[in-house]
N, C-alpha and C. Protein backbone atom coordinates (compact mmCIF):
# COMPACT_ATOMS: atom_id res chain seq x y z
N UNK A 1 12.85 9.94 4.63
CA UNK A 1 12.05 9.38 5.69
C UNK A 1 11.35 8.12 5.15
N UNK A 2 11.63 6.99 5.75
CA UNK A 2 11.08 5.73 5.27
C UNK A 2 9.68 5.47 5.83
N UNK A 3 8.92 4.75 5.03
CA UNK A 3 7.58 4.32 5.43
C UNK A 3 7.64 2.87 5.88
N UNK A 4 6.87 2.52 6.88
CA UNK A 4 6.70 1.12 7.27
C UNK A 4 5.40 0.67 6.61
N UNK A 5 5.52 -0.31 5.72
CA UNK A 5 4.37 -0.72 4.90
C UNK A 5 4.00 -2.16 5.19
N UNK A 6 2.70 -2.41 5.28
CA UNK A 6 2.17 -3.75 5.45
C UNK A 6 0.98 -3.91 4.52
N UNK A 7 1.05 -4.94 3.66
CA UNK A 7 -0.06 -5.26 2.75
C UNK A 7 -0.57 -6.64 3.14
N UNK A 8 -1.84 -6.70 3.53
CA UNK A 8 -2.43 -7.97 3.93
C UNK A 8 -3.73 -8.20 3.18
N UNK A 9 -4.04 -9.47 2.98
CA UNK A 9 -5.34 -9.85 2.42
C UNK A 9 -6.16 -10.45 3.55
N UNK A 10 -7.34 -10.91 3.22
CA UNK A 10 -8.22 -11.47 4.24
C UNK A 10 -7.61 -12.68 4.94
N UNK A 11 -6.71 -13.40 4.25
CA UNK A 11 -6.20 -14.65 4.82
C UNK A 11 -4.70 -14.70 5.08
N UNK A 12 -3.94 -13.65 4.69
CA UNK A 12 -2.48 -13.73 4.90
C UNK A 12 -1.80 -12.38 4.71
N UNK A 13 -0.56 -12.31 5.18
CA UNK A 13 0.27 -11.14 4.93
C UNK A 13 0.89 -11.32 3.54
N UNK A 14 0.75 -10.32 2.69
CA UNK A 14 1.26 -10.40 1.32
C UNK A 14 2.66 -9.82 1.21
N UNK A 15 2.89 -8.66 1.81
CA UNK A 15 4.20 -8.03 1.80
C UNK A 15 4.31 -7.06 2.96
N UNK A 16 5.49 -6.99 3.56
CA UNK A 16 5.76 -6.01 4.60
C UNK A 16 7.20 -5.58 4.50
N UNK A 17 7.46 -4.32 4.80
CA UNK A 17 8.83 -3.84 4.74
C UNK A 17 8.91 -2.33 4.78
N UNK A 18 10.11 -1.84 4.55
CA UNK A 18 10.38 -0.41 4.54
C UNK A 18 10.29 0.10 3.11
N UNK A 19 9.68 1.26 2.93
CA UNK A 19 9.49 1.78 1.57
C UNK A 19 9.73 3.28 1.52
N UNK A 20 10.07 3.74 0.33
CA UNK A 20 10.23 5.17 0.08
C UNK A 20 8.94 5.77 -0.44
N UNK A 21 8.12 4.93 -1.14
CA UNK A 21 6.90 5.43 -1.77
C UNK A 21 5.90 4.30 -1.95
N UNK A 22 4.61 4.66 -1.83
CA UNK A 22 3.52 3.73 -2.10
C UNK A 22 2.52 4.44 -3.01
N UNK A 23 2.10 3.77 -4.07
CA UNK A 23 1.07 4.31 -4.96
C UNK A 23 -0.05 3.28 -5.01
N UNK A 24 -1.28 3.73 -4.77
CA UNK A 24 -2.43 2.82 -4.75
C UNK A 24 -3.62 3.47 -5.44
N UNK A 25 -4.51 2.63 -5.94
CA UNK A 25 -5.73 3.11 -6.58
C UNK A 25 -6.86 3.08 -5.56
N UNK A 26 -7.46 4.24 -5.31
CA UNK A 26 -8.59 4.32 -4.40
C UNK A 26 -9.85 4.59 -5.23
N UNK A 27 -11.00 4.56 -4.59
CA UNK A 27 -12.24 4.83 -5.31
C UNK A 27 -12.32 6.27 -5.79
N UNK A 28 -11.48 7.14 -5.23
CA UNK A 28 -11.46 8.55 -5.64
C UNK A 28 -10.30 8.86 -6.59
N UNK A 29 -9.51 7.85 -6.96
CA UNK A 29 -8.38 8.05 -7.87
C UNK A 29 -7.10 7.51 -7.27
N UNK A 30 -6.03 7.63 -8.06
CA UNK A 30 -4.73 7.13 -7.63
C UNK A 30 -4.10 8.09 -6.62
N UNK A 31 -3.43 7.52 -5.61
CA UNK A 31 -2.82 8.34 -4.57
C UNK A 31 -1.38 7.87 -4.36
N UNK A 32 -0.49 8.84 -4.12
CA UNK A 32 0.90 8.54 -3.81
C UNK A 32 1.19 8.93 -2.37
N UNK A 33 1.91 8.06 -1.68
CA UNK A 33 2.24 8.29 -0.27
C UNK A 33 3.76 8.35 -0.13
N UNK A 34 4.27 9.42 0.47
CA UNK A 34 5.68 9.58 0.79
C UNK A 34 5.81 9.78 2.30
N UNK A 35 7.02 9.71 2.82
CA UNK A 35 7.24 9.96 4.23
C UNK A 35 6.70 11.32 4.64
N UNK A 36 6.15 11.41 5.83
CA UNK A 36 5.59 12.66 6.32
C UNK A 36 4.18 12.96 5.85
N UNK A 37 3.54 12.00 5.17
CA UNK A 37 2.18 12.20 4.66
C UNK A 37 1.21 12.40 5.81
N UNK A 38 0.22 13.22 5.58
CA UNK A 38 -0.84 13.44 6.57
C UNK A 38 -1.61 12.14 6.82
N UNK A 39 -2.18 11.96 8.00
CA UNK A 39 -3.01 10.77 8.25
C UNK A 39 -4.14 10.69 7.23
N UNK A 40 -4.46 9.46 6.83
CA UNK A 40 -5.42 9.24 5.75
C UNK A 40 -6.08 7.88 5.91
N UNK A 41 -7.34 7.80 5.55
CA UNK A 41 -8.04 6.53 5.45
C UNK A 41 -8.80 6.59 4.14
N UNK A 42 -8.53 5.62 3.25
CA UNK A 42 -9.16 5.62 1.92
C UNK A 42 -9.64 4.22 1.57
N UNK A 43 -10.71 4.16 0.80
CA UNK A 43 -11.26 2.89 0.33
C UNK A 43 -10.54 2.50 -0.96
N UNK A 44 -10.01 1.27 -1.00
CA UNK A 44 -9.29 0.80 -2.18
C UNK A 44 -10.25 0.44 -3.31
N UNK A 45 -9.80 0.71 -4.52
CA UNK A 45 -10.49 0.23 -5.72
C UNK A 45 -9.68 -0.96 -6.23
N UNK A 46 -10.25 -1.72 -7.15
CA UNK A 46 -9.51 -2.83 -7.74
C UNK A 46 -8.37 -2.25 -8.56
N UNK A 47 -7.17 -2.77 -8.35
CA UNK A 47 -6.03 -2.29 -9.11
C UNK A 47 -4.72 -2.66 -8.46
N UNK A 48 -3.67 -2.05 -8.98
CA UNK A 48 -2.33 -2.39 -8.55
C UNK A 48 -1.84 -1.42 -7.47
N UNK A 49 -1.23 -1.97 -6.44
CA UNK A 49 -0.54 -1.19 -5.43
C UNK A 49 0.94 -1.31 -5.77
N UNK A 50 1.61 -0.16 -5.94
CA UNK A 50 3.02 -0.16 -6.30
C UNK A 50 3.84 0.40 -5.13
N UNK A 51 4.80 -0.39 -4.69
CA UNK A 51 5.66 0.01 -3.57
C UNK A 51 7.08 0.11 -4.09
N UNK A 52 7.73 1.23 -3.81
CA UNK A 52 9.16 1.38 -4.08
C UNK A 52 9.85 1.25 -2.73
N UNK A 53 10.64 0.20 -2.57
CA UNK A 53 11.28 -0.06 -1.29
C UNK A 53 12.35 0.98 -1.02
N UNK A 54 12.84 0.99 0.21
CA UNK A 54 13.91 1.91 0.59
C UNK A 54 15.17 1.66 -0.24
N UNK A 55 15.34 0.43 -0.76
CA UNK A 55 16.49 0.07 -1.59
C UNK A 55 16.25 0.31 -3.08
N UNK A 56 15.06 0.81 -3.45
CA UNK A 56 14.76 1.10 -4.84
C UNK A 56 14.09 -0.04 -5.59
N UNK A 57 13.86 -1.16 -4.94
CA UNK A 57 13.19 -2.30 -5.57
C UNK A 57 11.70 -1.97 -5.77
N UNK A 58 11.13 -2.46 -6.85
CA UNK A 58 9.71 -2.24 -7.14
C UNK A 58 8.92 -3.49 -6.78
N UNK A 59 7.89 -3.32 -5.96
CA UNK A 59 7.00 -4.41 -5.56
C UNK A 59 5.61 -4.05 -6.05
N UNK A 60 4.95 -5.00 -6.73
CA UNK A 60 3.60 -4.77 -7.23
C UNK A 60 2.66 -5.80 -6.63
N UNK A 61 1.51 -5.30 -6.16
CA UNK A 61 0.50 -6.17 -5.57
C UNK A 61 -0.83 -5.87 -6.25
N UNK A 62 -1.49 -6.91 -6.75
CA UNK A 62 -2.83 -6.76 -7.31
C UNK A 62 -3.81 -6.86 -6.14
N UNK A 63 -4.56 -5.79 -5.90
CA UNK A 63 -5.45 -5.74 -4.74
C UNK A 63 -6.88 -5.45 -5.17
N UNK A 64 -7.81 -5.96 -4.39
CA UNK A 64 -9.23 -5.73 -4.67
C UNK A 64 -9.99 -5.56 -3.37
N UNK A 65 -10.68 -4.44 -3.25
CA UNK A 65 -11.49 -4.18 -2.06
C UNK A 65 -10.64 -3.91 -0.84
N UNK A 66 -11.22 -3.28 0.16
CA UNK A 66 -10.50 -3.02 1.39
C UNK A 66 -10.20 -1.55 1.57
N UNK A 67 -9.14 -1.27 2.34
CA UNK A 67 -8.81 0.13 2.62
C UNK A 67 -7.32 0.32 2.77
N UNK A 68 -6.91 1.59 2.73
CA UNK A 68 -5.54 2.02 2.92
C UNK A 68 -5.53 3.02 4.07
N UNK A 69 -4.62 2.85 5.00
CA UNK A 69 -4.51 3.74 6.14
C UNK A 69 -3.08 4.26 6.23
N UNK A 70 -2.94 5.57 6.49
CA UNK A 70 -1.63 6.18 6.71
C UNK A 70 -1.67 6.88 8.06
N UNK A 71 -0.67 6.57 8.91
CA UNK A 71 -0.57 7.22 10.21
C UNK A 71 0.87 7.14 10.70
N UNK A 72 1.49 8.29 10.94
CA UNK A 72 2.86 8.36 11.46
C UNK A 72 3.84 7.51 10.64
N UNK A 73 3.87 7.70 9.32
CA UNK A 73 4.77 6.99 8.40
C UNK A 73 4.56 5.48 8.41
N UNK A 74 3.37 5.06 8.81
CA UNK A 74 2.99 3.65 8.72
C UNK A 74 1.83 3.55 7.74
N UNK A 75 2.03 2.74 6.69
CA UNK A 75 0.99 2.53 5.68
C UNK A 75 0.49 1.10 5.83
N UNK A 76 -0.80 0.96 6.06
CA UNK A 76 -1.41 -0.36 6.19
C UNK A 76 -2.45 -0.50 5.09
N UNK A 77 -2.31 -1.56 4.29
CA UNK A 77 -3.27 -1.85 3.24
C UNK A 77 -3.91 -3.18 3.55
N UNK A 78 -5.21 -3.15 3.77
CA UNK A 78 -5.98 -4.37 4.05
C UNK A 78 -6.93 -4.57 2.89
N UNK A 79 -6.71 -5.64 2.15
CA UNK A 79 -7.52 -5.91 0.96
C UNK A 79 -8.29 -7.21 1.13
N UNK A 80 -9.47 -7.27 0.52
CA UNK A 80 -10.24 -8.51 0.53
C UNK A 80 -9.50 -9.62 -0.20
N UNK A 81 -8.80 -9.23 -1.28
CA UNK A 81 -7.98 -10.16 -2.05
C UNK A 81 -6.74 -9.41 -2.48
N UNK A 82 -5.56 -10.01 -2.31
CA UNK A 82 -4.31 -9.39 -2.72
C UNK A 82 -3.28 -10.48 -3.05
N UNK A 83 -2.51 -10.23 -4.11
CA UNK A 83 -1.47 -11.17 -4.51
C UNK A 83 -0.32 -10.41 -5.16
N UNK A 84 0.90 -10.86 -4.88
CA UNK A 84 2.07 -10.26 -5.52
C UNK A 84 2.00 -10.49 -7.02
N UNK A 85 2.42 -9.48 -7.78
CA UNK A 85 2.50 -9.57 -9.24
C UNK A 85 3.96 -9.81 -9.59
N UNK A 86 4.23 -10.82 -10.39
CA UNK A 86 5.62 -11.15 -10.77
C UNK A 86 6.11 -10.30 -11.89
C-alpha cells in the first residue's frame, strides 16, 4: 500500500511523490510510517526526514520545526525550514 507524501517548507514544496515508508524525528522520538498507519498529528523536531519511494529510491530532507500529519495513507510534512539532502 503506497503512501502519498508531500514535504513543504514555509516558502516552497520540497518533495512530493509516492512512498513505501517515511521516517521522521518528532519531539517525542523517531517515528516510522507505513501504508495503513493510524491517523496521526505530531510536532517535528530538527532532524532528517527519510522517505523510501515506491521504487526503492531514498530521499532525505533536513527539516526544522513544523508538524507531520498522517491521514488515509497521505503523509503531509510542513516544516518551517526544509531542504533536500544530497
